[in-house]
Amino acid sequence: MSDADIKNRRHIRARISLVASILLGLVFLISGSGKVIGYGEMPGQTMEFLGAAIPGFLFTPALASFIGNVFLPYIVPWIELCLGIFLILYIWPRFMAIIGLLLSIAFMTNNAWLMSQGMKHFQSCECFGIWEEIFGSLTPLQSMYIDIGLFILAMVIIFIYRNGFFASPAWVYKLQRKKKDSTDS
């Protein structure tokens, strides 16, 4: 294989992982911002799912209170929002994709449970916060399709991204160099 072929393959891999990172980041940015703007909203079906999935001796009232009153309505939306921003900016894409992969698995599990309870019982997933009030809500099945897409995009980034685990794009290093040069002068 010639050097030109190797360079061309690297260029293609870089473009594929960049597009995957932007698409994955946009979904998390939209989802997280919709939940952050709707500050403190939390879908009740998620608590029902956790109550059914976590054994009773582990799902104590204190844990349920923390998950329902702090973790899901406040922490998860900010994680999604920050994850989306980092992915769009292409900062640590492989590491961010792993976090996105874990979130998509959690969302798929939740949506699978929602669908198993019957489509009439849970008619919407409430995945995008206030944006669902404006643009319409998704069914758990539609949300599952999005989650599968998120999973695939995260896997593409993890396996296609050519740089190291905590590598950032060149523009980040240039900013660091400029900052260092300005403080040295």
N, C-alpha and C. Protein backbone atom coordinates (compact mmCIF):
# COMPACT_ATOMS: atom_id res chain seq x y z
N MET A 1 0.85 -1.17 0.00
CA MET A 1 0.00 0.00 0.00
C MET A 1 0.90 1.23 0.00
N SER A 2 0.60 2.16 -0.88
CA SER A 2 1.43 3.36 -1.00
C SER A 2 1.11 4.35 0.12
N ASP A 3 2.02 5.31 0.26
CA ASP A 3 1.81 6.35 1.27
C ASP A 3 0.56 7.18 0.97
N ALA A 4 0.29 7.38 -0.32
CA ALA A 4 -0.90 8.14 -0.70
C ALA A 4 -2.17 7.40 -0.30
N ASP A 5 -2.19 6.07 -0.46
CA ASP A 5 -3.35 5.28 -0.06
C ASP A 5 -3.55 5.32 1.45
N ILE A 6 -2.47 5.21 2.18
CA ILE A 6 -2.54 5.26 3.64
C ILE A 6 -3.06 6.63 4.08
N LYS A 7 -2.54 7.68 3.47
CA LYS A 7 -2.97 9.04 3.82
C LYS A 7 -4.44 9.23 3.48
N ASN A 8 -4.87 8.71 2.34
CA ASN A 8 -6.27 8.81 1.92
C ASN A 8 -7.18 8.07 2.90
N ARG A 9 -6.78 6.88 3.32
CA ARG A 9 -7.58 6.12 4.29
C ARG A 9 -7.68 6.85 5.62
N ARG A 10 -6.59 7.43 6.07
CA ARG A 10 -6.61 8.20 7.32
C ARG A 10 -7.55 9.39 7.21
N HIS A 11 -7.51 10.04 6.05
CA HIS A 11 -8.38 11.20 5.82
C HIS A 11 -9.85 10.77 5.84
N ILE A 12 -10.17 9.67 5.21
CA ILE A 12 -11.54 9.16 5.19
C ILE A 12 -11.98 8.78 6.60
N ARG A 13 -11.12 8.10 7.34
CA ARG A 13 -11.46 7.73 8.73
C ARG A 13 -11.71 8.97 9.58
N ALA A 14 -10.87 9.99 9.39
CA ALA A 14 -11.04 11.23 10.15
C ALA A 14 -12.38 11.88 9.83
N ARG A 15 -12.76 11.91 8.57
CA ARG A 15 -14.02 12.52 8.17
C ARG A 15 -15.22 11.73 8.70
N ILE A 16 -15.15 10.41 8.62
CA ILE A 16 -16.25 9.57 9.11
C ILE A 16 -16.43 9.77 10.60
N SER A 17 -15.33 9.75 11.36
CA SER A 17 -15.46 9.91 12.80
C SER A 17 -15.91 11.33 13.17
N LEU A 18 -15.50 12.33 12.39
CA LEU A 18 -15.94 13.70 12.65
C LEU A 18 -17.45 13.84 12.42
N VAL A 19 -17.95 13.30 11.32
CA VAL A 19 -19.39 13.37 11.03
C VAL A 19 -20.18 12.62 12.11
N ALA A 20 -19.71 11.43 12.47
CA ALA A 20 -20.38 10.65 13.52
C ALA A 20 -20.38 11.42 14.84
N SER A 21 -19.27 12.07 15.16
CA SER A 21 -19.17 12.84 16.40
C SER A 21 -20.14 14.02 16.39
N ILE A 22 -20.24 14.71 15.27
CA ILE A 22 -21.16 15.85 15.18
C ILE A 22 -22.61 15.39 15.30
N LEU A 23 -22.97 14.33 14.59
CA LEU A 23 -24.35 13.83 14.66
C LEU A 23 -24.71 13.37 16.07
N LEU A 24 -23.83 12.60 16.68
CA LEU A 24 -24.06 12.13 18.05
C LEU A 24 -24.14 13.32 19.00
N GLY A 25 -23.24 14.27 18.82
CA GLY A 25 -23.24 15.46 19.67
C GLY A 25 -24.50 16.29 19.53
N LEU A 26 -25.02 16.42 18.31
CA LEU A 26 -26.25 17.19 18.11
C LEU A 26 -27.43 16.57 18.85
N VAL A 27 -27.55 15.26 18.78
CA VAL A 27 -28.67 14.61 19.48
C VAL A 27 -28.55 14.83 20.99
N PHE A 28 -27.35 14.65 21.54
CA PHE A 28 -27.19 14.85 22.98
C PHE A 28 -27.35 16.33 23.35
N LEU A 29 -26.91 17.23 22.50
CA LEU A 29 -27.09 18.66 22.75
C LEU A 29 -28.57 19.03 22.78
N ILE A 30 -29.33 18.54 21.82
CA ILE A 30 -30.76 18.82 21.77
C ILE A 30 -31.47 18.20 22.97
N SER A 31 -31.17 16.94 23.24
CA SER A 31 -31.81 16.25 24.36
C SER A 31 -31.47 16.91 25.70
N GLY A 32 -30.20 17.17 25.91
CA GLY A 32 -29.77 17.78 27.17
C GLY A 32 -30.31 19.18 27.35
N SER A 33 -30.28 19.99 26.28
CA SER A 33 -30.76 21.37 26.41
C SER A 33 -32.26 21.40 26.67
N GLY A 34 -33.01 20.49 26.06
CA GLY A 34 -34.45 20.45 26.31
C GLY A 34 -34.77 20.11 27.75
N LYS A 35 -33.93 19.28 28.35
CA LYS A 35 -34.15 18.91 29.76
C LYS A 35 -33.61 19.99 30.70
N VAL A 36 -32.50 20.62 30.34
CA VAL A 36 -31.94 21.68 31.19
C VAL A 36 -32.87 22.89 31.21
N ILE A 37 -33.42 23.25 30.04
CA ILE A 37 -34.33 24.39 29.98
C ILE A 37 -35.62 24.08 30.75
N GLY A 38 -36.07 22.84 30.68
CA GLY A 38 -37.25 22.43 31.44
C GLY A 38 -36.85 22.04 32.86
N TYR A 39 -35.92 22.70 33.41
CA TYR A 39 -35.24 22.48 34.69
C TYR A 39 -36.04 21.65 35.69
N GLY A 40 -35.52 20.49 36.01
CA GLY A 40 -36.08 19.65 37.05
C GLY A 40 -37.17 18.71 36.62
N GLU A 41 -37.54 18.73 35.34
CA GLU A 41 -38.56 17.79 34.87
C GLU A 41 -37.96 16.40 34.81
N MET A 42 -38.77 15.42 35.15
CA MET A 42 -38.28 14.04 35.11
C MET A 42 -39.44 13.14 34.76
N PRO A 43 -39.27 12.33 33.70
CA PRO A 43 -40.36 11.44 33.32
C PRO A 43 -40.62 10.38 34.38
N GLY A 44 -41.88 10.26 34.78
CA GLY A 44 -42.25 9.30 35.81
C GLY A 44 -42.02 7.86 35.41
N GLN A 45 -42.11 7.57 34.10
CA GLN A 45 -41.93 6.18 33.68
C GLN A 45 -40.52 5.68 33.95
N THR A 46 -39.55 6.58 34.01
CA THR A 46 -38.18 6.16 34.30
C THR A 46 -38.09 5.64 35.73
N MET A 47 -38.77 6.30 36.65
CA MET A 47 -38.77 5.82 38.03
C MET A 47 -39.50 4.49 38.14
N GLU A 48 -40.58 4.32 37.37
CA GLU A 48 -41.27 3.03 37.36
C GLU A 48 -40.34 1.94 36.84
N PHE A 49 -39.58 2.26 35.78
CA PHE A 49 -38.63 1.30 35.22
C PHE A 49 -37.57 0.93 36.26
N LEU A 50 -37.01 1.93 36.92
CA LEU A 50 -35.97 1.65 37.92
C LEU A 50 -36.53 0.84 39.09
N GLY A 51 -37.76 1.15 39.48
CA GLY A 51 -38.40 0.38 40.55
C GLY A 51 -38.59 -1.07 40.17
N ALA A 52 -38.84 -1.32 38.89
CA ALA A 52 -39.02 -2.69 38.41
C ALA A 52 -37.68 -3.39 38.16
N ALA A 53 -36.65 -2.62 37.78
CA ALA A 53 -35.37 -3.22 37.39
C ALA A 53 -34.42 -3.44 38.55
N ILE A 54 -34.46 -2.55 39.53
CA ILE A 54 -33.54 -2.65 40.67
C ILE A 54 -34.23 -3.42 41.78
N PRO A 55 -33.56 -4.43 42.33
CA PRO A 55 -34.17 -5.20 43.42
C PRO A 55 -34.56 -4.29 44.59
N GLY A 56 -35.65 -4.63 45.24
CA GLY A 56 -36.20 -3.82 46.31
C GLY A 56 -35.24 -3.53 47.45
N PHE A 57 -34.39 -4.49 47.80
CA PHE A 57 -33.47 -4.25 48.91
C PHE A 57 -32.38 -3.25 48.54
N LEU A 58 -32.13 -3.04 47.24
CA LEU A 58 -31.16 -2.04 46.79
C LEU A 58 -31.82 -0.69 46.53
N PHE A 59 -33.07 -0.72 46.07
CA PHE A 59 -33.78 0.49 45.70
C PHE A 59 -34.44 1.07 46.95
N THR A 60 -33.62 1.55 47.85
CA THR A 60 -34.09 2.10 49.11
C THR A 60 -34.77 3.45 48.87
N PRO A 61 -35.56 3.91 49.82
CA PRO A 61 -36.18 5.23 49.67
C PRO A 61 -35.15 6.35 49.46
N ALA A 62 -34.00 6.26 50.13
CA ALA A 62 -32.97 7.28 49.96
C ALA A 62 -32.40 7.26 48.54
N LEU A 63 -32.14 6.07 48.02
CA LEU A 63 -31.63 5.95 46.65
C LEU A 63 -32.68 6.42 45.65
N ALA A 64 -33.92 6.02 45.85
CA ALA A 64 -35.00 6.44 44.95
C ALA A 64 -35.15 7.96 44.98
N SER A 65 -35.04 8.56 46.15
CA SER A 65 -35.14 10.01 46.28
C SER A 65 -33.99 10.70 45.55
N PHE A 66 -32.78 10.20 45.72
CA PHE A 66 -31.62 10.79 45.03
C PHE A 66 -31.77 10.67 43.51
N ILE A 67 -32.13 9.50 43.04
CA ILE A 67 -32.26 9.28 41.59
C ILE A 67 -33.39 10.14 41.03
N GLY A 68 -34.53 10.13 41.70
CA GLY A 68 -35.71 10.84 41.19
C GLY A 68 -35.67 12.33 41.37
N ASN A 69 -35.00 12.82 42.41
CA ASN A 69 -35.02 14.25 42.71
C ASN A 69 -33.74 14.99 42.34
N VAL A 70 -32.64 14.25 42.12
CA VAL A 70 -31.37 14.92 41.82
C VAL A 70 -30.74 14.38 40.52
N PHE A 71 -30.46 13.08 40.49
CA PHE A 71 -29.67 12.51 39.40
C PHE A 71 -30.36 12.64 38.04
N LEU A 72 -31.57 12.14 37.92
CA LEU A 72 -32.25 12.16 36.61
C LEU A 72 -32.70 13.57 36.19
N PRO A 73 -33.28 14.37 37.07
CA PRO A 73 -33.75 15.67 36.58
C PRO A 73 -32.67 16.74 36.45
N TYR A 74 -31.54 16.60 37.17
CA TYR A 74 -30.53 17.66 37.15
C TYR A 74 -29.18 17.21 36.60
N ILE A 75 -28.67 16.08 37.02
CA ILE A 75 -27.33 15.66 36.62
C ILE A 75 -27.29 15.10 35.20
N VAL A 76 -28.19 14.19 34.88
CA VAL A 76 -28.19 13.57 33.54
C VAL A 76 -28.34 14.61 32.43
N PRO A 77 -29.26 15.58 32.54
CA PRO A 77 -29.35 16.58 31.46
C PRO A 77 -28.06 17.37 31.24
N TRP A 78 -27.37 17.71 32.32
CA TRP A 78 -26.11 18.43 32.16
C TRP A 78 -25.03 17.54 31.56
N ILE A 79 -25.05 16.26 31.91
CA ILE A 79 -24.11 15.32 31.28
C ILE A 79 -24.38 15.26 29.78
N GLU A 80 -25.65 15.14 29.40
CA GLU A 80 -26.00 15.10 27.98
C GLU A 80 -25.58 16.39 27.26
N LEU A 81 -25.85 17.51 27.87
CA LEU A 81 -25.52 18.80 27.27
C LEU A 81 -24.01 18.94 27.07
N CYS A 82 -23.24 18.67 28.11
CA CYS A 82 -21.78 18.76 28.02
C CYS A 82 -21.23 17.74 27.03
N LEU A 83 -21.77 16.54 27.05
CA LEU A 83 -21.35 15.50 26.12
C LEU A 83 -21.59 15.97 24.68
N GLY A 84 -22.75 16.54 24.42
CA GLY A 84 -23.04 17.05 23.08
C GLY A 84 -22.06 18.12 22.64
N ILE A 85 -21.76 19.05 23.53
CA ILE A 85 -20.82 20.13 23.21
C ILE A 85 -19.44 19.57 22.92
N PHE A 86 -18.95 18.68 23.77
CA PHE A 86 -17.62 18.09 23.57
C PHE A 86 -17.56 17.30 22.26
N LEU A 87 -18.61 16.56 21.94
CA LEU A 87 -18.62 15.79 20.69
C LEU A 87 -18.64 16.70 19.47
N ILE A 88 -19.44 17.74 19.51
CA ILE A 88 -19.50 18.67 18.37
C ILE A 88 -18.16 19.37 18.18
N LEU A 89 -17.52 19.74 19.28
CA LEU A 89 -16.21 20.39 19.20
C LEU A 89 -15.08 19.39 18.94
N TYR A 90 -15.42 18.10 18.97
CA TYR A 90 -14.47 17.02 18.66
C TYR A 90 -13.35 16.93 19.70
N ILE A 91 -13.70 17.23 20.95
CA ILE A 91 -12.75 17.15 22.05
C ILE A 91 -12.91 15.80 22.73
N TRP A 92 -11.85 15.04 22.80
CA TRP A 92 -11.82 13.69 23.37
C TRP A 92 -12.94 12.83 22.79
N PRO A 93 -13.08 12.74 21.49
CA PRO A 93 -14.24 12.06 20.91
C PRO A 93 -14.37 10.59 21.31
N ARG A 94 -13.27 9.88 21.42
CA ARG A 94 -13.38 8.46 21.78
C ARG A 94 -13.90 8.32 23.21
N PHE A 95 -13.38 9.10 24.13
CA PHE A 95 -13.83 9.05 25.52
C PHE A 95 -15.30 9.47 25.62
N MET A 96 -15.67 10.55 24.92
CA MET A 96 -17.06 11.02 24.94
C MET A 96 -17.99 9.99 24.29
N ALA A 97 -17.51 9.30 23.27
CA ALA A 97 -18.33 8.26 22.62
C ALA A 97 -18.61 7.11 23.58
N ILE A 98 -17.65 6.79 24.43
CA ILE A 98 -17.88 5.72 25.41
C ILE A 98 -18.97 6.14 26.40
N ILE A 99 -18.93 7.39 26.83
CA ILE A 99 -20.00 7.88 27.71
C ILE A 99 -21.34 7.86 26.96
N GLY A 100 -21.33 8.29 25.70
CA GLY A 100 -22.54 8.25 24.88
C GLY A 100 -23.04 6.83 24.68
N LEU A 101 -22.13 5.89 24.53
CA LEU A 101 -22.50 4.48 24.38
C LEU A 101 -23.21 3.99 25.64
N LEU A 102 -22.67 4.32 26.79
CA LEU A 102 -23.30 3.90 28.05
C LEU A 102 -24.69 4.53 28.21
N LEU A 103 -24.81 5.81 27.88
CA LEU A 103 -26.12 6.46 27.95
C LEU A 103 -27.11 5.84 26.97
N SER A 104 -26.65 5.56 25.75
CA SER A 104 -27.58 4.97 24.77
C SER A 104 -28.03 3.58 25.20
N ILE A 105 -27.15 2.81 25.83
CA ILE A 105 -27.55 1.50 26.35
C ILE A 105 -28.60 1.67 27.45
N ALA A 106 -28.39 2.64 28.33
CA ALA A 106 -29.37 2.89 29.40
C ALA A 106 -30.71 3.33 28.80
N PHE A 107 -30.68 4.19 27.79
CA PHE A 107 -31.91 4.65 27.15
C PHE A 107 -32.61 3.51 26.43
N MET A 108 -31.83 2.66 25.74
CA MET A 108 -32.44 1.52 25.05
C MET A 108 -33.11 0.56 26.03
N THR A 109 -32.45 0.34 27.16
CA THR A 109 -33.02 -0.54 28.18
C THR A 109 -34.33 0.03 28.71
N ASN A 110 -34.32 1.33 28.99
CA ASN A 110 -35.54 1.99 29.47
C ASN A 110 -36.65 1.91 28.42
N ASN A 111 -36.33 2.17 27.18
CA ASN A 111 -37.35 2.13 26.12
C ASN A 111 -37.85 0.71 25.87
N ALA A 112 -36.97 -0.27 25.97
CA ALA A 112 -37.41 -1.66 25.82
C ALA A 112 -38.41 -2.01 26.92
N TRP A 113 -38.14 -1.56 28.13
CA TRP A 113 -39.07 -1.82 29.24
C TRP A 113 -40.40 -1.10 28.99
N LEU A 114 -40.32 0.17 28.52
CA LEU A 114 -41.55 0.91 28.24
C LEU A 114 -42.40 0.18 27.21
N MET A 115 -41.76 -0.32 26.15
CA MET A 115 -42.50 -1.05 25.11
C MET A 115 -43.07 -2.36 25.64
N SER A 116 -42.36 -2.99 26.57
CA SER A 116 -42.85 -4.25 27.12
C SER A 116 -44.09 -4.04 28.00
N GLN A 117 -44.28 -2.83 28.48
CA GLN A 117 -45.44 -2.53 29.33
C GLN A 117 -46.68 -2.20 28.51
N GLY A 118 -46.51 -2.10 27.21
CA GLY A 118 -47.64 -1.80 26.33
C GLY A 118 -47.57 -0.39 25.83
N MET A 119 -47.81 -0.24 24.56
CA MET A 119 -47.70 1.08 23.92
C MET A 119 -48.79 2.04 24.40
N LYS A 120 -49.90 1.53 24.88
CA LYS A 120 -50.97 2.40 25.36
C LYS A 120 -50.67 2.93 26.76
N HIS A 121 -49.89 2.18 27.54
CA HIS A 121 -49.55 2.60 28.90
C HIS A 121 -48.57 3.76 28.88
N PHE A 122 -47.55 3.69 28.03
CA PHE A 122 -46.56 4.76 27.90
C PHE A 122 -46.55 5.20 26.44
N GLN A 123 -47.21 6.30 26.16
CA GLN A 123 -47.36 6.73 24.77
C GLN A 123 -46.22 7.60 24.27
N SER A 124 -45.45 8.19 25.19
CA SER A 124 -44.31 9.00 24.77
C SER A 124 -43.12 8.71 25.68
N CYS A 125 -41.93 8.95 25.13
CA CYS A 125 -40.73 8.64 25.91
C CYS A 125 -40.28 9.82 26.77
N GLU A 126 -40.68 11.02 26.43
CA GLU A 126 -40.28 12.23 27.15
C GLU A 126 -38.76 12.36 27.19
N CYS A 127 -38.13 12.13 26.06
CA CYS A 127 -36.68 12.09 25.96
C CYS A 127 -36.03 13.45 25.69
N PHE A 128 -36.78 14.38 25.12
CA PHE A 128 -36.17 15.63 24.67
C PHE A 128 -36.68 16.86 25.43
N GLY A 129 -37.23 16.65 26.62
CA GLY A 129 -37.64 17.76 27.47
C GLY A 129 -38.66 18.68 26.80
N ILE A 130 -38.42 19.97 26.90
CA ILE A 130 -39.38 20.94 26.38
C ILE A 130 -39.48 20.91 24.86
N TRP A 131 -38.47 20.39 24.19
CA TRP A 131 -38.54 20.34 22.73
C TRP A 131 -39.69 19.45 22.27
N GLU A 132 -40.07 18.49 23.08
CA GLU A 132 -41.22 17.64 22.72
C GLU A 132 -42.52 18.43 22.78
N GLU A 133 -42.61 19.42 23.66
CA GLU A 133 -43.80 20.25 23.72
C GLU A 133 -43.92 21.11 22.47
N ILE A 134 -42.80 21.49 21.90
CA ILE A 134 -42.79 22.36 20.72
C ILE A 134 -42.91 21.55 19.43
N PHE A 135 -42.12 20.48 19.31
CA PHE A 135 -42.03 19.74 18.05
C PHE A 135 -42.79 18.41 18.05
N GLY A 136 -43.36 18.04 19.17
CA GLY A 136 -44.08 16.77 19.26
C GLY A 136 -43.23 15.71 19.93
N SER A 137 -43.90 14.76 20.53
CA SER A 137 -43.17 13.74 21.29
C SER A 137 -42.95 12.49 20.45
N LEU A 138 -42.04 11.68 20.92
CA LEU A 138 -41.72 10.41 20.28
C LEU A 138 -42.32 9.26 21.07
N THR A 139 -42.69 8.22 20.38
CA THR A 139 -43.12 7.01 21.07
C THR A 139 -41.87 6.28 21.55
N PRO A 140 -42.01 5.37 22.49
CA PRO A 140 -40.84 4.60 22.91
C PRO A 140 -40.18 3.85 21.74
N LEU A 141 -40.96 3.40 20.77
CA LEU A 141 -40.39 2.70 19.61
C LEU A 141 -39.57 3.66 18.75
N GLN A 142 -40.08 4.85 18.50
CA GLN A 142 -39.33 5.85 17.74
C GLN A 142 -38.05 6.23 18.48
N SER A 143 -38.17 6.38 19.78
CA SER A 143 -37.00 6.70 20.58
C SER A 143 -35.98 5.57 20.55
N MET A 144 -36.46 4.33 20.51
CA MET A 144 -35.55 3.18 20.43
C MET A 144 -34.73 3.24 19.14
N TYR A 145 -35.37 3.62 18.04
CA TYR A 145 -34.64 3.76 16.78
C TYR A 145 -33.54 4.81 16.90
N ILE A 146 -33.85 5.92 17.54
CA ILE A 146 -32.84 6.96 17.75
C ILE A 146 -31.71 6.43 18.63
N ASP A 147 -32.07 5.71 19.69
CA ASP A 147 -31.06 5.15 20.59
C ASP A 147 -30.15 4.15 19.88
N ILE A 148 -30.71 3.35 19.00
CA ILE A 148 -29.89 2.42 18.21
C ILE A 148 -28.94 3.21 17.31
N GLY A 149 -29.44 4.29 16.72
CA GLY A 149 -28.57 5.15 15.92
C GLY A 149 -27.45 5.76 16.75
N LEU A 150 -27.77 6.19 17.98
CA LEU A 150 -26.75 6.74 18.88
C LEU A 150 -25.69 5.68 19.19
N PHE A 151 -26.15 4.48 19.45
CA PHE A 151 -25.25 3.36 19.75
C PHE A 151 -24.30 3.13 18.57
N ILE A 152 -24.84 3.10 17.36
CA ILE A 152 -24.02 2.87 16.17
C ILE A 152 -23.02 4.01 15.96
N LEU A 153 -23.47 5.24 16.10
CA LEU A 153 -22.57 6.38 15.95
C LEU A 153 -21.43 6.34 16.98
N ALA A 154 -21.77 6.00 18.22
CA ALA A 154 -20.74 5.90 19.25
C ALA A 154 -19.73 4.81 18.91
N MET A 155 -20.22 3.67 18.42
CA MET A 155 -19.31 2.58 18.03
C MET A 155 -18.42 3.00 16.87
N VAL A 156 -18.97 3.73 15.92
CA VAL A 156 -18.16 4.23 14.80
C VAL A 156 -17.02 5.09 15.31
N ILE A 157 -17.34 6.01 16.21
CA ILE A 157 -16.29 6.89 16.76
C ILE A 157 -15.25 6.07 17.50
N ILE A 158 -15.69 5.16 18.34
CA ILE A 158 -14.76 4.36 19.14
C ILE A 158 -13.79 3.57 18.26
N PHE A 159 -14.30 2.98 17.18
CA PHE A 159 -13.46 2.11 16.36
C PHE A 159 -12.81 2.81 15.17
N ILE A 160 -13.33 3.94 14.72
CA ILE A 160 -12.79 4.60 13.53
C ILE A 160 -11.85 5.74 13.89
N TYR A 161 -12.10 6.44 15.00
CA TYR A 161 -11.27 7.58 15.37
C TYR A 161 -9.82 7.13 15.45
N ARG A 162 -8.94 7.86 14.79
CA ARG A 162 -7.57 7.37 14.61
C ARG A 162 -6.59 7.83 15.69
N ASN A 163 -6.96 8.79 16.49
CA ASN A 163 -6.02 9.29 17.49
C ASN A 163 -6.24 8.62 18.84
N GLY A 164 -5.48 9.04 19.83
CA GLY A 164 -5.53 8.43 21.15
C GLY A 164 -6.82 8.67 21.90
N PHE A 165 -6.90 8.06 23.05
CA PHE A 165 -8.11 8.07 23.87
C PHE A 165 -8.51 9.48 24.29
N PHE A 166 -7.56 10.29 24.71
CA PHE A 166 -7.84 11.65 25.15
C PHE A 166 -7.29 12.68 24.17
N ALA A 167 -7.20 12.33 22.89
CA ALA A 167 -6.70 13.25 21.87
C ALA A 167 -7.75 14.30 21.55
N SER A 168 -7.27 15.49 21.29
CA SER A 168 -8.14 16.60 20.90
C SER A 168 -7.72 17.07 19.51
N PRO A 169 -8.58 17.85 18.87
CA PRO A 169 -8.22 18.34 17.54
C PRO A 169 -7.08 19.36 17.60
N ALA A 170 -6.47 19.60 16.46
CA ALA A 170 -5.31 20.49 16.39
C ALA A 170 -5.63 21.89 16.88
N TRP A 171 -6.87 22.37 16.65
CA TRP A 171 -7.19 23.73 17.05
C TRP A 171 -7.10 23.92 18.56
N VAL A 172 -7.32 22.88 19.34
CA VAL A 172 -7.21 22.98 20.80
C VAL A 172 -5.74 23.19 21.18
N TYR A 173 -4.85 22.45 20.53
CA TYR A 173 -3.42 22.60 20.81
C TYR A 173 -2.92 23.98 20.38
N LYS A 174 -3.46 24.49 19.27
CA LYS A 174 -3.07 25.83 18.82
C LYS A 174 -3.52 26.88 19.82
N LEU A 175 -4.72 26.72 20.38
CA LEU A 175 -5.19 27.65 21.41
C LEU A 175 -4.30 27.61 22.64
N GLN A 176 -3.90 26.40 23.03
CA GLN A 176 -3.02 26.27 24.18
C GLN A 176 -1.67 26.93 23.92
N ARG A 177 -1.16 26.74 22.70
CA ARG A 177 0.12 27.36 22.34
C ARG A 177 0.01 28.88 22.35
N LYS A 178 -1.08 29.42 21.79
CA LYS A 178 -1.28 30.87 21.78
C LYS A 178 -1.36 31.41 23.20
N LYS A 179 -2.08 30.71 24.05
CA LYS A 179 -2.22 31.16 25.44
C LYS A 179 -0.86 31.15 26.12
N LYS A 180 -0.10 30.10 25.90
CA LYS A 180 1.23 29.99 26.52
C LYS A 180 2.16 31.08 25.98
N ASP A 181 2.10 31.33 24.67
CA ASP A 181 2.94 32.36 24.08
C ASP A 181 2.57 33.74 24.61
N SER A 182 1.28 34.00 24.83
CA SER A 182 0.86 35.31 25.33
C SER A 182 1.23 35.49 26.80
N THR A 183 1.27 34.43 27.57
CA THR A 183 1.66 34.56 28.98
C THR A 183 3.18 34.63 29.12
N ASP A 184 3.91 34.06 28.16
CA ASP A 184 5.38 34.12 28.22
C ASP A 184 5.92 35.50 27.84
N SER A 185 5.14 36.25 27.01
CA SER A 185 5.66 37.55 26.55
C SER A 185 5.40 38.65 27.52
